[in-house]
Amino acid sequence: MKLYLDNLIPRLKEFSLNLDKQEVFLEKQWVIIDSESNKQTYIFRRNGELIMSINGQVTIGKWEYINEARSLLVDRIQDKILLNQIFISHAIMILRKDGFKEDHFILANENLIPNLNIIEYLNFLINHNILEKGNSKNNYKEETRELISKCYKTNKGKIIIKQQESFGTSIGDLVFKDNLTAPDGVYRLGFMDNITTENGIIIGI
């Protein structure tokens, strides 16, 4: 993943939101899977509290946005770290510990990426042109288009489709089953409506 991100980050930076738009990350469930396969969950509260859970064991720290550095000062009880923004969206935050070492913190919004597969999600954004530039010169729109989650009853059980349009599915939408990438195949959504998926993405309707 590190090599993949090193190649991708220069391209992502121009589409990034900024940490000063705190509604992007406040009161959401951000997850890191660490090198020991522990699930670390962070919730940034409006009052400056930071709820930290490691495999269900909870501690309460603090966080503060440092405007001059466009960084988060995070008090994890056992230490304090300064995290600089690299790429911020509603679904993913890539932060880097301040210093010369390339030490990335990669957090996924579990509500938008239930399977926590960040590489799959980034590939989807890039391949389907969901990252959007702004209109003014050297100024880019702050947002990654949010997908709409809808539940469907199919011939293969319930699925969740994270779709680009509220009125129906489109090629390129993400498909999940039991909080995992949906198996490849044809799913019947209605009497005349079928979708075909591959690698959790709709490739045919």
N, C-alpha and C. Protein backbone atom coordinates (compact mmCIF):
# COMPACT_ATOMS: atom_id res chain seq x y z
N MET A 1 0.83 -1.21 0.00
CA MET A 1 0.00 0.00 0.00
C MET A 1 0.86 1.26 0.00
N LYS A 2 2.01 1.23 0.71
CA LYS A 2 2.85 2.43 0.81
C LYS A 2 3.32 2.88 -0.57
N LEU A 3 3.81 1.95 -1.40
CA LEU A 3 4.28 2.32 -2.74
C LEU A 3 3.13 2.87 -3.57
N TYR A 4 1.95 2.24 -3.45
CA TYR A 4 0.76 2.69 -4.20
C TYR A 4 0.43 4.13 -3.80
N LEU A 5 0.41 4.41 -2.50
CA LEU A 5 0.05 5.75 -2.03
C LEU A 5 1.11 6.78 -2.41
N ASP A 6 2.39 6.39 -2.34
CA ASP A 6 3.45 7.31 -2.71
C ASP A 6 3.28 7.80 -4.15
N ASN A 7 2.82 6.90 -5.02
CA ASN A 7 2.61 7.27 -6.42
C ASN A 7 1.32 8.06 -6.61
N LEU A 8 0.33 7.80 -5.74
CA LEU A 8 -1.00 8.40 -5.92
C LEU A 8 -1.14 9.76 -5.24
N ILE A 9 -0.48 9.95 -4.10
CA ILE A 9 -0.69 11.14 -3.28
C ILE A 9 -0.48 12.45 -4.04
N PRO A 10 0.57 12.59 -4.87
CA PRO A 10 0.71 13.86 -5.59
C PRO A 10 -0.52 14.21 -6.42
N ARG A 11 -1.19 13.21 -6.97
CA ARG A 11 -2.40 13.46 -7.75
C ARG A 11 -3.59 13.78 -6.86
N LEU A 12 -3.67 13.11 -5.70
CA LEU A 12 -4.80 13.30 -4.81
C LEU A 12 -4.80 14.68 -4.16
N LYS A 13 -3.63 15.22 -3.88
CA LYS A 13 -3.53 16.46 -3.11
C LYS A 13 -4.35 17.59 -3.71
N GLU A 14 -4.39 17.67 -5.03
CA GLU A 14 -5.09 18.79 -5.67
C GLU A 14 -6.60 18.70 -5.52
N PHE A 15 -7.10 17.52 -5.11
CA PHE A 15 -8.55 17.36 -4.94
C PHE A 15 -8.96 17.36 -3.47
N SER A 16 -8.00 17.59 -2.57
CA SER A 16 -8.26 17.42 -1.15
C SER A 16 -9.12 18.53 -0.56
N LEU A 17 -9.99 18.15 0.37
CA LEU A 17 -10.61 19.12 1.26
C LEU A 17 -9.57 19.59 2.26
N ASN A 18 -9.92 20.57 3.07
CA ASN A 18 -9.03 21.03 4.12
C ASN A 18 -9.58 20.67 5.49
N LEU A 19 -8.66 20.46 6.44
CA LEU A 19 -9.07 20.10 7.79
C LEU A 19 -9.85 21.21 8.48
N ASP A 20 -9.72 22.46 8.00
CA ASP A 20 -10.47 23.54 8.65
C ASP A 20 -11.96 23.40 8.40
N LYS A 21 -12.36 22.62 7.41
CA LYS A 21 -13.78 22.31 7.21
C LYS A 21 -14.09 21.08 8.06
N GLN A 22 -14.26 21.31 9.34
CA GLN A 22 -14.27 20.23 10.32
C GLN A 22 -15.50 19.33 10.23
N GLU A 23 -16.56 19.80 9.57
CA GLU A 23 -17.73 18.95 9.42
C GLU A 23 -17.41 17.69 8.62
N VAL A 24 -16.32 17.73 7.87
CA VAL A 24 -15.93 16.56 7.07
C VAL A 24 -15.57 15.38 7.97
N PHE A 25 -14.93 15.66 9.12
CA PHE A 25 -14.45 14.54 9.93
C PHE A 25 -15.06 14.44 11.32
N LEU A 26 -15.82 15.46 11.76
CA LEU A 26 -16.39 15.43 13.10
C LEU A 26 -17.50 14.38 13.24
N GLU A 27 -17.55 13.74 14.42
CA GLU A 27 -18.63 12.82 14.81
C GLU A 27 -18.79 11.66 13.82
N LYS A 28 -17.69 11.22 13.23
CA LYS A 28 -17.72 10.08 12.32
C LYS A 28 -16.78 8.99 12.82
N GLN A 29 -17.03 7.79 12.40
CA GLN A 29 -16.25 6.66 12.86
C GLN A 29 -15.10 6.38 11.89
N TRP A 30 -13.90 6.85 12.27
CA TRP A 30 -12.71 6.68 11.44
C TRP A 30 -11.91 5.48 11.94
N VAL A 31 -11.51 4.62 11.02
CA VAL A 31 -10.89 3.35 11.39
C VAL A 31 -9.52 3.20 10.75
N ILE A 32 -8.57 2.72 11.55
CA ILE A 32 -7.26 2.29 11.07
C ILE A 32 -7.11 0.82 11.42
N ILE A 33 -6.63 0.03 10.47
CA ILE A 33 -6.21 -1.34 10.76
C ILE A 33 -4.70 -1.31 10.85
N ASP A 34 -4.16 -1.52 12.08
CA ASP A 34 -2.71 -1.37 12.24
C ASP A 34 -1.95 -2.61 11.78
N SER A 35 -0.63 -2.55 11.90
CA SER A 35 0.23 -3.63 11.39
C SER A 35 0.03 -4.95 12.13
N GLU A 36 -0.60 -4.90 13.29
CA GLU A 36 -0.87 -6.12 14.06
C GLU A 36 -2.32 -6.55 13.92
N SER A 37 -2.99 -6.02 12.91
CA SER A 37 -4.39 -6.35 12.60
C SER A 37 -5.36 -5.95 13.70
N ASN A 38 -4.99 -4.96 14.50
CA ASN A 38 -5.93 -4.41 15.48
C ASN A 38 -6.78 -3.34 14.81
N LYS A 39 -8.04 -3.30 15.19
CA LYS A 39 -8.94 -2.27 14.68
C LYS A 39 -8.92 -1.08 15.62
N GLN A 40 -8.41 0.04 15.14
CA GLN A 40 -8.37 1.27 15.92
C GLN A 40 -9.43 2.23 15.38
N THR A 41 -10.31 2.67 16.26
CA THR A 41 -11.38 3.58 15.87
C THR A 41 -11.19 4.93 16.56
N TYR A 42 -11.33 6.00 15.77
CA TYR A 42 -11.20 7.36 16.29
C TYR A 42 -12.49 8.12 15.97
N ILE A 43 -13.04 8.80 16.98
CA ILE A 43 -14.19 9.68 16.78
C ILE A 43 -13.83 11.05 17.35
N PHE A 44 -13.80 12.05 16.46
CA PHE A 44 -13.46 13.41 16.86
C PHE A 44 -14.75 14.13 17.27
N ARG A 45 -14.87 14.44 18.57
CA ARG A 45 -16.07 15.10 19.07
C ARG A 45 -15.95 16.61 18.93
N ARG A 46 -17.11 17.27 18.84
CA ARG A 46 -17.13 18.73 18.67
C ARG A 46 -16.50 19.46 19.85
N ASN A 47 -16.57 18.85 21.03
CA ASN A 47 -16.05 19.51 22.23
C ASN A 47 -14.55 19.31 22.42
N GLY A 48 -13.87 18.73 21.43
CA GLY A 48 -12.43 18.54 21.52
C GLY A 48 -12.02 17.19 22.09
N GLU A 49 -12.99 16.39 22.52
CA GLU A 49 -12.66 15.05 22.98
C GLU A 49 -12.37 14.14 21.79
N LEU A 50 -11.49 13.18 22.01
CA LEU A 50 -11.18 12.18 21.00
C LEU A 50 -11.44 10.80 21.60
N ILE A 51 -12.47 10.13 21.09
CA ILE A 51 -12.76 8.77 21.53
C ILE A 51 -11.88 7.82 20.74
N MET A 52 -11.09 7.02 21.46
CA MET A 52 -10.19 6.07 20.82
C MET A 52 -10.52 4.67 21.31
N SER A 53 -10.75 3.78 20.36
CA SER A 53 -11.08 2.40 20.69
C SER A 53 -10.11 1.47 19.96
N ILE A 54 -9.49 0.56 20.69
CA ILE A 54 -8.65 -0.48 20.09
C ILE A 54 -9.27 -1.82 20.45
N ASN A 55 -9.83 -2.47 19.44
CA ASN A 55 -10.52 -3.74 19.65
C ASN A 55 -11.55 -3.64 20.77
N GLY A 56 -12.24 -2.49 20.83
CA GLY A 56 -13.32 -2.32 21.80
C GLY A 56 -12.91 -1.71 23.13
N GLN A 57 -11.62 -1.59 23.41
CA GLN A 57 -11.15 -0.97 24.65
C GLN A 57 -11.02 0.54 24.41
N VAL A 58 -11.76 1.32 25.20
CA VAL A 58 -11.91 2.75 24.92
C VAL A 58 -11.11 3.61 25.89
N THR A 59 -10.45 4.63 25.34
CA THR A 59 -9.85 5.70 26.13
C THR A 59 -10.30 7.03 25.52
N ILE A 60 -10.25 8.08 26.32
CA ILE A 60 -10.67 9.41 25.87
C ILE A 60 -9.47 10.34 25.86
N GLY A 61 -9.12 10.83 24.67
CA GLY A 61 -8.04 11.80 24.55
C GLY A 61 -8.58 13.15 24.13
N LYS A 62 -7.75 13.95 23.49
CA LYS A 62 -8.15 15.28 23.04
C LYS A 62 -7.59 15.54 21.65
N TRP A 63 -8.24 16.45 20.93
CA TRP A 63 -7.71 16.88 19.64
C TRP A 63 -7.94 18.38 19.49
N GLU A 64 -7.11 18.98 18.65
CA GLU A 64 -7.21 20.42 18.38
C GLU A 64 -6.72 20.68 16.96
N TYR A 65 -7.44 21.54 16.24
CA TYR A 65 -7.00 21.92 14.90
C TYR A 65 -6.07 23.12 15.01
N ILE A 66 -4.87 22.99 14.41
CA ILE A 66 -3.90 24.08 14.40
C ILE A 66 -3.96 24.73 13.03
N ASN A 67 -4.59 25.89 12.97
CA ASN A 67 -4.86 26.54 11.69
C ASN A 67 -3.59 26.91 10.94
N GLU A 68 -2.58 27.41 11.67
CA GLU A 68 -1.36 27.88 11.02
C GLU A 68 -0.64 26.75 10.28
N ALA A 69 -0.75 25.55 10.81
CA ALA A 69 -0.04 24.41 10.22
C ALA A 69 -0.96 23.51 9.40
N ARG A 70 -2.26 23.82 9.39
CA ARG A 70 -3.26 22.95 8.76
C ARG A 70 -3.07 21.51 9.24
N SER A 71 -3.01 21.37 10.55
CA SER A 71 -2.67 20.09 11.17
C SER A 71 -3.58 19.82 12.36
N LEU A 72 -3.65 18.57 12.76
CA LEU A 72 -4.35 18.16 13.97
C LEU A 72 -3.34 17.84 15.05
N LEU A 73 -3.50 18.46 16.23
CA LEU A 73 -2.73 18.08 17.40
C LEU A 73 -3.55 17.06 18.16
N VAL A 74 -3.03 15.86 18.29
CA VAL A 74 -3.78 14.74 18.86
C VAL A 74 -3.11 14.28 20.15
N ASP A 75 -3.87 14.33 21.24
CA ASP A 75 -3.40 13.84 22.54
C ASP A 75 -3.97 12.44 22.74
N ARG A 76 -3.11 11.43 22.61
CA ARG A 76 -3.54 10.04 22.74
C ARG A 76 -3.29 9.49 24.14
N ILE A 77 -3.17 10.35 25.12
CA ILE A 77 -2.89 10.02 26.52
C ILE A 77 -1.44 9.60 26.70
N GLN A 78 -1.03 8.54 25.98
CA GLN A 78 0.35 8.08 26.13
C GLN A 78 1.34 8.95 25.37
N ASP A 79 0.85 9.74 24.39
CA ASP A 79 1.71 10.65 23.65
C ASP A 79 0.87 11.73 22.98
N LYS A 80 1.55 12.74 22.45
CA LYS A 80 0.91 13.78 21.67
C LYS A 80 1.60 13.83 20.31
N ILE A 81 0.81 13.86 19.23
CA ILE A 81 1.38 13.87 17.89
C ILE A 81 0.73 14.97 17.07
N LEU A 82 1.50 15.50 16.12
CA LEU A 82 1.00 16.51 15.20
C LEU A 82 0.87 15.84 13.84
N LEU A 83 -0.35 15.86 13.29
CA LEU A 83 -0.65 15.20 12.02
C LEU A 83 -0.97 16.24 10.95
N ASN A 84 -0.18 16.23 9.89
CA ASN A 84 -0.39 17.16 8.78
C ASN A 84 -1.32 16.54 7.75
N GLN A 85 -2.16 17.38 7.14
CA GLN A 85 -3.08 16.86 6.14
C GLN A 85 -2.37 16.56 4.83
N ILE A 86 -2.71 15.42 4.23
CA ILE A 86 -2.24 15.04 2.91
C ILE A 86 -3.42 14.97 1.95
N PHE A 87 -4.45 14.21 2.35
CA PHE A 87 -5.67 14.13 1.53
C PHE A 87 -6.85 13.94 2.48
N ILE A 88 -7.87 14.78 2.31
CA ILE A 88 -9.05 14.73 3.16
C ILE A 88 -10.28 14.64 2.28
N SER A 89 -11.15 13.66 2.57
CA SER A 89 -12.44 13.58 1.90
C SER A 89 -13.45 13.08 2.92
N HIS A 90 -14.69 12.94 2.51
CA HIS A 90 -15.71 12.42 3.42
C HIS A 90 -15.47 10.95 3.76
N ALA A 91 -14.73 10.25 2.94
CA ALA A 91 -14.55 8.81 3.14
C ALA A 91 -13.17 8.42 3.64
N ILE A 92 -12.15 9.24 3.32
CA ILE A 92 -10.77 8.87 3.63
C ILE A 92 -10.03 10.09 4.15
N MET A 93 -9.20 9.87 5.18
CA MET A 93 -8.25 10.89 5.60
C MET A 93 -6.85 10.27 5.56
N ILE A 94 -5.95 10.91 4.82
CA ILE A 94 -4.55 10.51 4.83
C ILE A 94 -3.78 11.64 5.50
N LEU A 95 -3.22 11.35 6.66
CA LEU A 95 -2.48 12.33 7.44
C LEU A 95 -1.04 11.84 7.59
N ARG A 96 -0.13 12.77 7.80
CA ARG A 96 1.27 12.40 7.97
C ARG A 96 1.81 13.00 9.26
N LYS A 97 2.46 12.16 10.03
CA LYS A 97 3.08 12.63 11.27
C LYS A 97 4.15 13.65 10.93
N ASP A 98 4.11 14.80 11.64
CA ASP A 98 5.03 15.89 11.33
C ASP A 98 6.47 15.43 11.48
N GLY A 99 7.30 15.78 10.49
CA GLY A 99 8.70 15.38 10.52
C GLY A 99 9.16 14.99 9.13
N PHE A 100 10.36 14.47 9.05
CA PHE A 100 10.94 14.13 7.75
C PHE A 100 10.57 12.71 7.32
N LYS A 101 10.19 11.86 8.26
CA LYS A 101 9.85 10.47 7.93
C LYS A 101 8.45 10.42 7.33
N GLU A 102 8.30 9.63 6.25
CA GLU A 102 7.00 9.47 5.60
C GLU A 102 6.16 8.47 6.39
N ASP A 103 5.56 8.95 7.48
CA ASP A 103 4.79 8.09 8.38
C ASP A 103 3.32 8.45 8.24
N HIS A 104 2.59 7.72 7.41
CA HIS A 104 1.21 8.06 7.09
C HIS A 104 0.22 7.40 8.06
N PHE A 105 -0.80 8.15 8.39
CA PHE A 105 -1.96 7.63 9.11
C PHE A 105 -3.12 7.63 8.11
N ILE A 106 -3.65 6.46 7.81
CA ILE A 106 -4.69 6.33 6.79
C ILE A 106 -5.96 5.87 7.49
N LEU A 107 -6.97 6.73 7.50
CA LEU A 107 -8.22 6.45 8.20
C LEU A 107 -9.36 6.34 7.20
N ALA A 108 -10.22 5.36 7.41
CA ALA A 108 -11.38 5.15 6.55
C ALA A 108 -12.65 5.41 7.33
N ASN A 109 -13.60 6.11 6.72
CA ASN A 109 -14.93 6.31 7.30
C ASN A 109 -15.70 5.01 7.11
N GLU A 110 -15.93 4.31 8.21
CA GLU A 110 -16.51 2.96 8.12
C GLU A 110 -17.93 2.98 7.56
N ASN A 111 -18.63 4.10 7.70
CA ASN A 111 -19.98 4.18 7.15
C ASN A 111 -19.98 4.23 5.63
N LEU A 112 -18.92 4.82 5.05
CA LEU A 112 -18.84 4.93 3.59
C LEU A 112 -18.01 3.82 2.96
N ILE A 113 -17.09 3.24 3.73
CA ILE A 113 -16.26 2.14 3.22
C ILE A 113 -16.37 0.98 4.20
N PRO A 114 -17.49 0.26 4.20
CA PRO A 114 -17.72 -0.80 5.20
C PRO A 114 -16.64 -1.88 5.21
N ASN A 115 -16.07 -2.19 4.05
CA ASN A 115 -15.05 -3.24 4.02
C ASN A 115 -13.64 -2.70 4.30
N LEU A 116 -13.54 -1.37 4.50
CA LEU A 116 -12.28 -0.70 4.85
C LEU A 116 -11.19 -0.89 3.79
N ASN A 117 -11.61 -1.22 2.57
CA ASN A 117 -10.65 -1.43 1.48
C ASN A 117 -10.37 -0.09 0.80
N ILE A 118 -9.38 0.61 1.31
CA ILE A 118 -9.10 1.97 0.85
C ILE A 118 -8.60 1.99 -0.59
N ILE A 119 -7.74 1.04 -0.93
CA ILE A 119 -7.20 1.01 -2.30
C ILE A 119 -8.32 0.79 -3.31
N GLU A 120 -9.24 -0.11 -3.02
CA GLU A 120 -10.38 -0.34 -3.92
C GLU A 120 -11.19 0.93 -4.08
N TYR A 121 -11.41 1.65 -2.98
CA TYR A 121 -12.22 2.86 -3.03
C TYR A 121 -11.52 3.96 -3.84
N LEU A 122 -10.21 4.14 -3.60
CA LEU A 122 -9.47 5.15 -4.35
C LEU A 122 -9.45 4.83 -5.84
N ASN A 123 -9.28 3.55 -6.17
CA ASN A 123 -9.31 3.15 -7.57
C ASN A 123 -10.66 3.49 -8.20
N PHE A 124 -11.73 3.28 -7.43
CA PHE A 124 -13.07 3.58 -7.93
C PHE A 124 -13.20 5.08 -8.22
N LEU A 125 -12.74 5.92 -7.29
CA LEU A 125 -12.83 7.37 -7.50
C LEU A 125 -12.10 7.81 -8.75
N ILE A 126 -10.91 7.26 -8.93
CA ILE A 126 -10.08 7.67 -10.07
C ILE A 126 -10.64 7.13 -11.38
N ASN A 127 -11.01 5.84 -11.38
CA ASN A 127 -11.45 5.21 -12.63
C ASN A 127 -12.79 5.75 -13.11
N HIS A 128 -13.60 6.30 -12.19
CA HIS A 128 -14.92 6.76 -12.58
C HIS A 128 -15.05 8.29 -12.47
N ASN A 129 -13.90 8.95 -12.41
CA ASN A 129 -13.86 10.42 -12.48
C ASN A 129 -14.74 11.10 -11.45
N ILE A 130 -14.74 10.58 -10.23
CA ILE A 130 -15.57 11.17 -9.18
C ILE A 130 -14.85 12.34 -8.50
N LEU A 131 -13.53 12.39 -8.59
CA LEU A 131 -12.81 13.55 -8.09
C LEU A 131 -13.05 14.71 -9.05
N GLU A 132 -13.39 15.87 -8.51
CA GLU A 132 -13.80 16.99 -9.36
C GLU A 132 -12.95 18.23 -9.11
N LYS A 133 -12.45 18.83 -10.18
CA LYS A 133 -11.74 20.10 -10.08
C LYS A 133 -12.74 21.24 -9.99
N GLY A 134 -12.29 22.32 -9.36
CA GLY A 134 -13.10 23.53 -9.26
C GLY A 134 -13.00 24.36 -10.52
N ASN A 135 -13.63 25.50 -10.50
CA ASN A 135 -13.71 26.32 -11.69
C ASN A 135 -12.60 27.37 -11.80
N SER A 136 -12.16 27.90 -10.66
CA SER A 136 -11.18 28.97 -10.73
C SER A 136 -9.77 28.44 -10.89
N LYS A 137 -8.93 29.24 -11.50
CA LYS A 137 -7.56 28.81 -11.80
C LYS A 137 -6.81 28.50 -10.52
N ASN A 138 -6.11 27.35 -10.52
CA ASN A 138 -5.31 26.91 -9.39
C ASN A 138 -6.14 26.76 -8.12
N ASN A 139 -7.42 26.59 -8.27
CA ASN A 139 -8.28 26.40 -7.10
C ASN A 139 -9.20 25.22 -7.40
N TYR A 140 -9.21 24.24 -6.50
CA TYR A 140 -9.95 23.02 -6.78
C TYR A 140 -11.11 22.89 -5.81
N LYS A 141 -12.18 22.31 -6.29
CA LYS A 141 -13.32 22.07 -5.42
C LYS A 141 -12.91 21.16 -4.31
N GLU A 142 -13.46 21.46 -3.16
CA GLU A 142 -13.03 20.80 -1.96
C GLU A 142 -13.55 19.39 -1.84
N GLU A 143 -14.51 18.97 -2.64
CA GLU A 143 -15.18 17.76 -2.26
C GLU A 143 -15.03 16.59 -3.22
N THR A 144 -15.02 15.43 -2.59
CA THR A 144 -15.19 14.16 -3.27
C THR A 144 -16.69 13.88 -3.23
N ARG A 145 -17.28 13.58 -4.34
CA ARG A 145 -18.72 13.41 -4.39
C ARG A 145 -19.16 12.29 -3.45
N GLU A 146 -20.10 12.58 -2.56
CA GLU A 146 -20.58 11.56 -1.64
C GLU A 146 -21.52 10.62 -2.37
N LEU A 147 -21.37 9.32 -2.08
CA LEU A 147 -22.26 8.33 -2.66
C LEU A 147 -23.46 8.12 -1.76
N ILE A 148 -24.56 7.72 -2.35
CA ILE A 148 -25.81 7.50 -1.62
C ILE A 148 -25.97 6.01 -1.37
N SER A 149 -26.14 5.62 -0.11
CA SER A 149 -26.29 4.21 0.24
C SER A 149 -27.76 3.81 0.18
N LYS A 150 -28.05 2.75 -0.58
CA LYS A 150 -29.42 2.23 -0.66
C LYS A 150 -29.40 0.72 -0.51
N CYS A 151 -30.40 0.22 0.21
CA CYS A 151 -30.52 -1.22 0.43
C CYS A 151 -31.50 -1.81 -0.59
N TYR A 152 -31.13 -2.95 -1.17
CA TYR A 152 -31.97 -3.63 -2.15
C TYR A 152 -32.16 -5.09 -1.75
N LYS A 153 -33.38 -5.60 -1.92
CA LYS A 153 -33.64 -7.03 -1.78
C LYS A 153 -33.47 -7.67 -3.15
N THR A 154 -32.61 -8.67 -3.23
CA THR A 154 -32.34 -9.31 -4.51
C THR A 154 -32.56 -10.81 -4.41
N ASN A 155 -32.39 -11.49 -5.52
CA ASN A 155 -32.50 -12.94 -5.53
C ASN A 155 -31.35 -13.61 -4.76
N LYS A 156 -30.35 -12.83 -4.40
CA LYS A 156 -29.21 -13.37 -3.64
C LYS A 156 -29.12 -12.76 -2.25
N GLY A 157 -30.22 -12.23 -1.77
CA GLY A 157 -30.24 -11.61 -0.44
C GLY A 157 -30.09 -10.10 -0.51
N LYS A 158 -30.05 -9.47 0.65
CA LYS A 158 -29.95 -8.02 0.72
C LYS A 158 -28.55 -7.54 0.35
N ILE A 159 -28.51 -6.46 -0.42
CA ILE A 159 -27.24 -5.84 -0.76
C ILE A 159 -27.35 -4.33 -0.51
N ILE A 160 -26.20 -3.70 -0.31
CA ILE A 160 -26.13 -2.24 -0.21
C ILE A 160 -25.40 -1.73 -1.44
N ILE A 161 -26.01 -0.76 -2.12
CA ILE A 161 -25.35 -0.13 -3.26
C ILE A 161 -25.05 1.31 -2.90
N LYS A 162 -23.78 1.68 -3.00
CA LYS A 162 -23.38 3.08 -2.83
C LYS A 162 -23.37 3.69 -4.22
N GLN A 163 -24.43 4.43 -4.50
CA GLN A 163 -24.68 4.87 -5.87
C GLN A 163 -24.50 6.37 -6.03
N GLN A 164 -24.22 6.75 -7.27
CA GLN A 164 -23.95 8.14 -7.58
C GLN A 164 -25.23 8.96 -7.74
N GLU A 165 -26.32 8.29 -8.12
CA GLU A 165 -27.58 8.99 -8.36
C GLU A 165 -28.64 8.48 -7.39
N SER A 166 -29.50 9.38 -6.92
CA SER A 166 -30.52 8.98 -5.95
C SER A 166 -31.65 8.19 -6.59
N PHE A 167 -31.86 8.37 -7.89
CA PHE A 167 -33.02 7.75 -8.54
C PHE A 167 -32.72 6.38 -9.15
N GLY A 168 -31.50 5.92 -9.12
CA GLY A 168 -31.21 4.61 -9.68
C GLY A 168 -29.74 4.29 -9.71
N THR A 169 -29.45 3.04 -10.03
CA THR A 169 -28.07 2.58 -10.07
C THR A 169 -27.40 2.96 -11.39
N SER A 170 -26.07 3.00 -11.35
CA SER A 170 -25.28 3.33 -12.55
C SER A 170 -24.07 2.41 -12.61
N ILE A 171 -23.56 2.22 -13.81
CA ILE A 171 -22.31 1.49 -13.96
C ILE A 171 -21.23 2.23 -13.18
N GLY A 172 -20.48 1.47 -12.38
CA GLY A 172 -19.45 2.07 -11.54
C GLY A 172 -19.83 2.18 -10.08
N ASP A 173 -21.13 2.01 -9.75
CA ASP A 173 -21.54 2.06 -8.34
C ASP A 173 -20.93 0.89 -7.57
N LEU A 174 -20.73 1.11 -6.26
CA LEU A 174 -20.14 0.08 -5.39
C LEU A 174 -21.23 -0.79 -4.78
N VAL A 175 -20.98 -2.10 -4.68
CA VAL A 175 -21.97 -3.05 -4.19
C VAL A 175 -21.39 -3.85 -3.03
N PHE A 176 -22.15 -3.92 -1.91
CA PHE A 176 -21.70 -4.63 -0.72
C PHE A 176 -22.76 -5.64 -0.27
N LYS A 177 -22.29 -6.74 0.30
CA LYS A 177 -23.19 -7.75 0.86
C LYS A 177 -22.58 -8.22 2.17
N ASP A 178 -23.38 -8.13 3.23
CA ASP A 178 -22.90 -8.52 4.57
C ASP A 178 -21.65 -7.73 4.94
N ASN A 179 -21.64 -6.43 4.62
CA ASN A 179 -20.54 -5.52 4.92
C ASN A 179 -19.23 -5.87 4.23
N LEU A 180 -19.30 -6.70 3.20
CA LEU A 180 -18.13 -7.07 2.41
C LEU A 180 -18.41 -6.75 0.95
N THR A 181 -17.35 -6.68 0.15
CA THR A 181 -17.54 -6.52 -1.29
C THR A 181 -18.41 -7.64 -1.81
N ALA A 182 -19.46 -7.30 -2.54
CA ALA A 182 -20.42 -8.31 -3.03
C ALA A 182 -19.72 -9.28 -4.00
N PRO A 183 -20.06 -10.57 -3.91
CA PRO A 183 -19.50 -11.54 -4.86
C PRO A 183 -19.88 -11.18 -6.30
N ASP A 184 -19.03 -11.56 -7.23
CA ASP A 184 -19.32 -11.32 -8.64
C ASP A 184 -20.58 -12.06 -9.05
N GLY A 185 -21.34 -11.47 -9.98
CA GLY A 185 -22.52 -12.17 -10.48
C GLY A 185 -23.61 -11.22 -10.92
N VAL A 186 -24.77 -11.80 -11.20
CA VAL A 186 -25.95 -11.04 -11.63
C VAL A 186 -26.94 -11.00 -10.48
N TYR A 187 -27.39 -9.81 -10.13
CA TYR A 187 -28.35 -9.61 -9.04
C TYR A 187 -29.64 -9.04 -9.62
N ARG A 188 -30.77 -9.67 -9.27
CA ARG A 188 -32.07 -9.19 -9.73
C ARG A 188 -32.64 -8.24 -8.69
N LEU A 189 -32.80 -6.96 -9.06
CA LEU A 189 -33.32 -5.95 -8.15
C LEU A 189 -34.83 -5.83 -8.22
N GLY A 190 -35.40 -6.24 -9.32
CA GLY A 190 -36.84 -6.16 -9.52
C GLY A 190 -37.23 -7.05 -10.68
N PHE A 191 -38.47 -6.96 -11.10
CA PHE A 191 -38.97 -7.85 -12.15
C PHE A 191 -38.17 -7.72 -13.43
N MET A 192 -37.76 -6.50 -13.78
CA MET A 192 -37.03 -6.27 -15.03
C MET A 192 -35.64 -5.68 -14.80
N ASP A 193 -35.25 -5.54 -13.54
CA ASP A 193 -33.99 -4.85 -13.25
C ASP A 193 -32.93 -5.82 -12.76
N ASN A 194 -31.84 -5.90 -13.48
CA ASN A 194 -30.71 -6.73 -13.09
C ASN A 194 -29.44 -5.89 -13.14
N ILE A 195 -28.50 -6.22 -12.24
CA ILE A 195 -27.17 -5.63 -12.33
C ILE A 195 -26.14 -6.75 -12.36
N THR A 196 -25.04 -6.48 -13.00
CA THR A 196 -23.92 -7.43 -13.02
C THR A 196 -22.75 -6.78 -12.32
N THR A 197 -22.15 -7.51 -11.37
CA THR A 197 -21.04 -6.94 -10.60
C THR A 197 -19.75 -7.72 -10.83
N GLU A 198 -18.66 -6.99 -10.68
CA GLU A 198 -17.33 -7.60 -10.71
C GLU A 198 -16.44 -6.82 -9.76
N ASN A 199 -15.82 -7.53 -8.82
CA ASN A 199 -14.96 -6.90 -7.82
C ASN A 199 -15.70 -5.81 -7.04
N GLY A 200 -17.00 -6.06 -6.79
CA GLY A 200 -17.79 -5.12 -6.01
C GLY A 200 -18.22 -3.87 -6.73
N ILE A 201 -18.13 -3.86 -8.06
CA ILE A 201 -18.51 -2.69 -8.85
C ILE A 201 -19.50 -3.10 -9.93
N ILE A 202 -20.54 -2.30 -10.13
CA ILE A 202 -21.51 -2.60 -11.19
C ILE A 202 -20.86 -2.39 -12.55
N ILE A 203 -20.84 -3.45 -13.35
CA ILE A 203 -20.26 -3.33 -14.70
C ILE A 203 -21.32 -3.46 -15.79
N GLY A 204 -22.56 -3.81 -15.41
CA GLY A 204 -23.62 -3.91 -16.39
C GLY A 204 -24.97 -3.77 -15.74
N ILE A 205 -25.93 -3.18 -16.48
CA ILE A 205 -27.30 -3.00 -15.99
C ILE A 205 -28.27 -3.44 -17.06
